[in-house]
Amino acid sequence: MDGMSGPHVIRGSVSLPEAELVWRFSRSSGPGGQHVNTTDTAVELRFDLAKTRSLPEVWKRRALERLAGRLTDGVVTVRASEHRSQWRNREAAAVRLAALLAEATAPPPGPRRPTRIPRGINERRLREKKQRSQTKRGRSARDWG
């Protein structure tokens, strides 16, 4: 699209290819006066994740797996209609799609390294527990005889 603010980078040197983006416009719902009734300001952006060649194969597999519930025939769809202008909605949809793909293609976190509870913390917990026990024992009715 002429004038769009450059390629939308997913991560590193990988960006969304403009040729693989399918834009659809419709009328926005909600307030906006007469202007909203005559212009198609809502934007729907579609990206065929299953057929794309712009993503590395590992990223593509990872994204297909993580976005499985959101895909329709391998296509991810993003809608934007929060702005009154089509231009700003297009920007918002492209940024949202890039962020979604960046999150879906991110490498899995490293394995968790289990840590031990420090001895001092455990001792303090037991000491406070004993103190509480003494306080409650002191309230018993046996001393009131």
C-alpha atoms as a PDB file:
ATOM      1  CA  MET A   1       0.000   0.000   0.000  1.00  0.00           C
ATOM      2  CA  ASP A   2       1.455   3.355  -0.936  1.00  0.00           C
ATOM      3  CA  GLY A   3       2.291   5.482   2.058  1.00  0.00           C
ATOM      4  CA  MET A   4       1.916   2.807   4.740  1.00  0.00           C
ATOM      5  CA  SER A   5       4.530   3.341   7.402  1.00  0.00           C
ATOM      6  CA  GLY A   6       7.098   0.827   6.232  1.00  0.00           C
ATOM      7  CA  PRO A   7       7.303  -2.898   6.760  1.00  0.00           C
ATOM      8  CA  HIS A   8       6.001  -4.115  10.084  1.00  0.00           C
ATOM      9  CA  VAL A   9       8.847  -5.976  11.719  1.00  0.00           C
ATOM     10  CA  ILE A  10       7.995  -9.145  13.605  1.00  0.00           C
ATOM     11  CA  ARG A  11      11.403  -9.781  15.135  1.00  0.00           C
ATOM     12  CA  GLY A  12      14.958  -9.265  13.932  1.00  0.00           C
ATOM     13  CA  SER A  13      15.094  -8.972  10.145  1.00  0.00           C
ATOM     14  CA  VAL A  14      11.762 -10.763   9.574  1.00  0.00           C
ATOM     15  CA  SER A  15       8.867  -8.503   8.621  1.00  0.00           C
ATOM     16  CA  LEU A  16       5.334  -8.854   7.273  1.00  0.00           C
ATOM     17  CA  PRO A  17       5.391  -8.835   3.454  1.00  0.00           C
ATOM     18  CA  GLU A  18       2.822  -6.380   2.091  1.00  0.00           C
ATOM     19  CA  ALA A  19       2.006  -8.760  -0.784  1.00  0.00           C
ATOM     20  CA  GLU A  20       0.755 -11.434   1.647  1.00  0.00           C
ATOM     21  CA  LEU A  21      -1.550  -9.101   3.600  1.00  0.00           C
ATOM     22  CA  VAL A  22      -5.214  -9.018   2.598  1.00  0.00           C
ATOM     23  CA  TRP A  23      -7.125  -5.900   3.674  1.00  0.00           C
ATOM     24  CA  ARG A  24     -10.905  -5.644   3.935  1.00  0.00           C
ATOM     25  CA  PHE A  25     -12.826  -2.543   4.920  1.00  0.00           C
ATOM     26  CA  SER A  26     -16.315  -2.128   6.330  1.00  0.00           C
ATOM     27  CA  ARG A  27     -18.385   0.407   8.187  1.00  0.00           C
ATOM     28  CA  SER A  28     -17.575   0.835  11.852  1.00  0.00           C
ATOM     29  CA  SER A  29     -20.271   0.456  14.447  1.00  0.00           C
ATOM     30  CA  GLY A  30     -20.853   2.928  17.225  1.00  0.00           C
ATOM     31  CA  PRO A  31     -21.009   6.741  17.374  1.00  0.00           C
ATOM     32  CA  GLY A  32     -19.423   9.054  14.842  1.00  0.00           C
ATOM     33  CA  GLY A  33     -22.127  11.143  13.216  1.00  0.00           C
ATOM     34  CA  GLN A  34     -22.892  11.294   9.508  1.00  0.00           C
ATOM     35  CA  HIS A  35     -19.312  10.607   8.428  1.00  0.00           C
ATOM     36  CA  VAL A  36     -19.294   7.102   9.902  1.00  0.00           C
ATOM     37  CA  ASN A  37     -22.339   6.123   7.869  1.00  0.00           C
ATOM     38  CA  THR A  38     -20.652   6.855   4.550  1.00  0.00           C
ATOM     39  CA  THR A  39     -17.065   5.641   4.959  1.00  0.00           C
ATOM     40  CA  ASP A  40     -15.546   2.226   5.472  1.00  0.00           C
ATOM     41  CA  THR A  41     -13.345   2.871   8.493  1.00  0.00           C
ATOM     42  CA  ALA A  42     -13.258  -0.564  10.131  1.00  0.00           C
ATOM     43  CA  VAL A  43     -10.329  -2.691   8.987  1.00  0.00           C
ATOM     44  CA  GLU A  44      -9.933  -6.456   8.814  1.00  0.00           C
ATOM     45  CA  LEU A  45      -6.425  -7.675   8.100  1.00  0.00           C
ATOM     46  CA  ARG A  46      -5.874 -11.289   7.020  1.00  0.00           C
ATOM     47  CA  PHE A  47      -2.538 -13.112   6.844  1.00  0.00           C
ATOM     48  CA  ASP A  48      -2.256 -16.669   5.509  1.00  0.00           C
ATOM     49  CA  LEU A  49       0.069 -18.187   8.064  1.00  0.00           C
ATOM     50  CA  ALA A  50      -0.120 -21.699   6.627  1.00  0.00           C
ATOM     51  CA  LYS A  51       1.026 -20.684   3.123  1.00  0.00           C
ATOM     52  CA  THR A  52       3.473 -17.882   3.878  1.00  0.00           C
ATOM     53  CA  ARG A  53       7.094 -18.188   2.770  1.00  0.00           C
ATOM     54  CA  SER A  54       8.284 -15.098   4.609  1.00  0.00           C
ATOM     55  CA  LEU A  55       8.633 -16.776   8.013  1.00  0.00           C
ATOM     56  CA  PRO A  56      11.355 -19.280   8.873  1.00  0.00           C
ATOM     57  CA  GLU A  57       9.936 -22.820   8.977  1.00  0.00           C
ATOM     58  CA  VAL A  58      10.535 -23.187  12.736  1.00  0.00           C
ATOM     59  CA  TRP A  59       8.677 -19.931  13.451  1.00  0.00           C
ATOM     60  CA  LYS A  60       5.835 -20.935  11.165  1.00  0.00           C
ATOM     61  CA  ARG A  61       5.355 -24.304  12.908  1.00  0.00           C
ATOM     62  CA  ARG A  62       5.487 -22.638  16.314  1.00  0.00           C
ATOM     63  CA  ALA A  63       2.956 -19.961  15.317  1.00  0.00           C
ATOM     64  CA  LEU A  64       0.566 -22.483  13.741  1.00  0.00           C
ATOM     65  CA  GLU A  65       0.671 -24.523  16.934  1.00  0.00           C
ATOM     66  CA  ARG A  66       0.206 -21.590  19.321  1.00  0.00           C
ATOM     67  CA  LEU A  67      -2.473 -19.785  17.285  1.00  0.00           C
ATOM     68  CA  ALA A  68      -4.409 -22.947  16.362  1.00  0.00           C
ATOM     69  CA  GLY A  69      -7.561 -21.801  18.153  1.00  0.00           C
ATOM     70  CA  ARG A  70      -7.511 -18.444  16.400  1.00  0.00           C
ATOM     71  CA  LEU A  71      -6.855 -19.639  12.842  1.00  0.00           C
ATOM     72  CA  THR A  72      -9.442 -20.248  10.139  1.00  0.00           C
ATOM     73  CA  ASP A  73      -8.014 -22.523   7.432  1.00  0.00           C
ATOM     74  CA  GLY A  74      -4.514 -21.390   8.364  1.00  0.00           C
ATOM     75  CA  VAL A  75      -5.403 -17.690   8.126  1.00  0.00           C
ATOM     76  CA  VAL A  76      -5.061 -15.318  11.076  1.00  0.00           C
ATOM     77  CA  THR A  77      -7.455 -12.350  11.112  1.00  0.00           C
ATOM     78  CA  VAL A  78      -7.102  -9.077  13.029  1.00  0.00           C
ATOM     79  CA  ARG A  79      -9.811  -6.388  13.248  1.00  0.00           C
ATOM     80  CA  ALA A  80      -9.416  -2.733  14.163  1.00  0.00           C
ATOM     81  CA  SER A  81     -12.202  -0.198  14.437  1.00  0.00           C
ATOM     82  CA  GLU A  82     -11.294   1.914  17.456  1.00  0.00           C
ATOM     83  CA  HIS A  83     -10.271   4.984  15.414  1.00  0.00           C
ATOM     84  CA  ARG A  84     -12.469   7.144  13.224  1.00  0.00           C
ATOM     85  CA  SER A  85     -10.040   7.140  10.315  1.00  0.00           C
ATOM     86  CA  GLN A  86      -9.360   4.155   8.110  1.00  0.00           C
ATOM     87  CA  TRP A  87      -5.688   5.065   7.994  1.00  0.00           C
ATOM     88  CA  ARG A  88      -5.234   4.842  11.766  1.00  0.00           C
ATOM     89  CA  ASN A  89      -7.238   1.615  11.905  1.00  0.00           C
ATOM     90  CA  ARG A  90      -4.971   0.130   9.238  1.00  0.00           C
ATOM     91  CA  GLU A  91      -1.925   1.103  11.270  1.00  0.00           C
ATOM     92  CA  ALA A  92      -3.467  -0.384  14.426  1.00  0.00           C
ATOM     93  CA  ALA A  93      -4.362  -3.662  12.686  1.00  0.00           C
ATOM     94  CA  ALA A  94      -0.874  -4.061  11.176  1.00  0.00           C
ATOM     95  CA  VAL A  95       0.842  -3.341  14.489  1.00  0.00           C
ATOM     96  CA  ARG A  96      -1.518  -5.747  16.290  1.00  0.00           C
ATOM     97  CA  LEU A  97      -0.826  -8.506  13.749  1.00  0.00           C
ATOM     98  CA  ALA A  98       2.944  -7.982  13.993  1.00  0.00           C
ATOM     99  CA  ALA A  99       2.772  -8.143  17.808  1.00  0.00           C
ATOM    100  CA  LEU A 100       0.605 -11.272  17.689  1.00  0.00           C
ATOM    101  CA  LEU A 101       3.045 -13.014  15.348  1.00  0.00           C
ATOM    102  CA  ALA A 102       6.048 -11.869  17.398  1.00  0.00           C
ATOM    103  CA  GLU A 103       4.526 -13.404  20.523  1.00  0.00           C
ATOM    104  CA  ALA A 104       3.477 -16.600  18.718  1.00  0.00           C
ATOM    105  CA  THR A 105       6.902 -17.147  17.139  1.00  0.00           C
ATOM    106  CA  ALA A 106       8.952 -16.391  20.254  1.00  0.00           C
ATOM    107  CA  PRO A 107      11.136 -19.249  21.434  1.00  0.00           C
ATOM    108  CA  PRO A 108       9.837 -21.182  24.420  1.00  0.00           C
ATOM    109  CA  PRO A 109      11.205 -20.090  27.787  1.00  0.00           C
ATOM    110  CA  GLY A 110      14.146 -21.994  29.213  1.00  0.00           C
ATOM    111  CA  PRO A 111      13.605 -24.771  31.738  1.00  0.00           C
ATOM    112  CA  ARG A 112      12.860 -23.698  35.285  1.00  0.00           C
ATOM    113  CA  ARG A 113      15.688 -24.227  37.690  1.00  0.00           C
ATOM    114  CA  PRO A 114      14.255 -25.267  41.046  1.00  0.00           C
ATOM    115  CA  THR A 115      15.503 -23.272  44.008  1.00  0.00           C
ATOM    116  CA  ARG A 116      15.558 -24.212  47.674  1.00  0.00           C
ATOM    117  CA  ILE A 117      13.844 -22.201  50.374  1.00  0.00           C
ATOM    118  CA  PRO A 118      16.573 -20.594  52.511  1.00  0.00           C
ATOM    119  CA  ARG A 119      16.936 -22.194  55.941  1.00  0.00           C
ATOM    120  CA  GLY A 120      16.450 -18.872  57.754  1.00  0.00           C
ATOM    121  CA  ILE A 121      13.032 -18.332  56.193  1.00  0.00           C
ATOM    122  CA  ASN A 122      11.868 -21.803  57.200  1.00  0.00           C
ATOM    123  CA  GLU A 123      13.164 -21.357  60.747  1.00  0.00           C
ATOM    124  CA  ARG A 124      11.430 -17.990  61.056  1.00  0.00           C
ATOM    125  CA  ARG A 125       8.161 -19.519  59.819  1.00  0.00           C
ATOM    126  CA  LEU A 126       8.364 -22.298  62.410  1.00  0.00           C
ATOM    127  CA  ARG A 127       9.290 -19.811  65.173  1.00  0.00           C
ATOM    128  CA  GLU A 128       6.271 -17.604  64.343  1.00  0.00           C
ATOM    129  CA  LYS A 129       4.056 -20.663  64.192  1.00  0.00           C
ATOM    130  CA  LYS A 130       5.203 -21.749  67.650  1.00  0.00           C
ATOM    131  CA  GLN A 131       4.647 -18.203  68.971  1.00  0.00           C
ATOM    132  CA  ARG A 132       1.093 -18.188  67.575  1.00  0.00           C
ATOM    133  CA  SER A 133       0.461 -21.595  69.123  1.00  0.00           C
ATOM    134  CA  GLN A 134       1.595 -20.289  72.539  1.00  0.00           C
ATOM    135  CA  THR A 135      -0.692 -17.251  72.189  1.00  0.00           C
ATOM    136  CA  LYS A 136      -3.697 -19.436  71.444  1.00  0.00           C
ATOM    137  CA  ARG A 137      -2.839 -21.947  74.159  1.00  0.00           C
ATOM    138  CA  GLY A 138      -2.772 -19.047  76.638  1.00  0.00           C
ATOM    139  CA  ARG A 139      -6.416 -18.298  75.806  1.00  0.00           C
ATOM    140  CA  SER A 140      -7.693 -21.736  76.828  1.00  0.00           C
ATOM    141  CA  ALA A 141     -10.316 -21.984  79.575  1.00  0.00           C
ATOM    142  CA  ARG A 142      -8.385 -24.463  81.771  1.00  0.00           C
ATOM    143  CA  ASP A 143      -6.561 -21.657  83.656  1.00  0.00           C
ATOM    144  CA  TRP A 144      -9.787 -19.931  84.657  1.00  0.00           C
ATOM    145  CA  GLY A 145     -10.992 -22.687  86.940  1.00  0.00           C
END
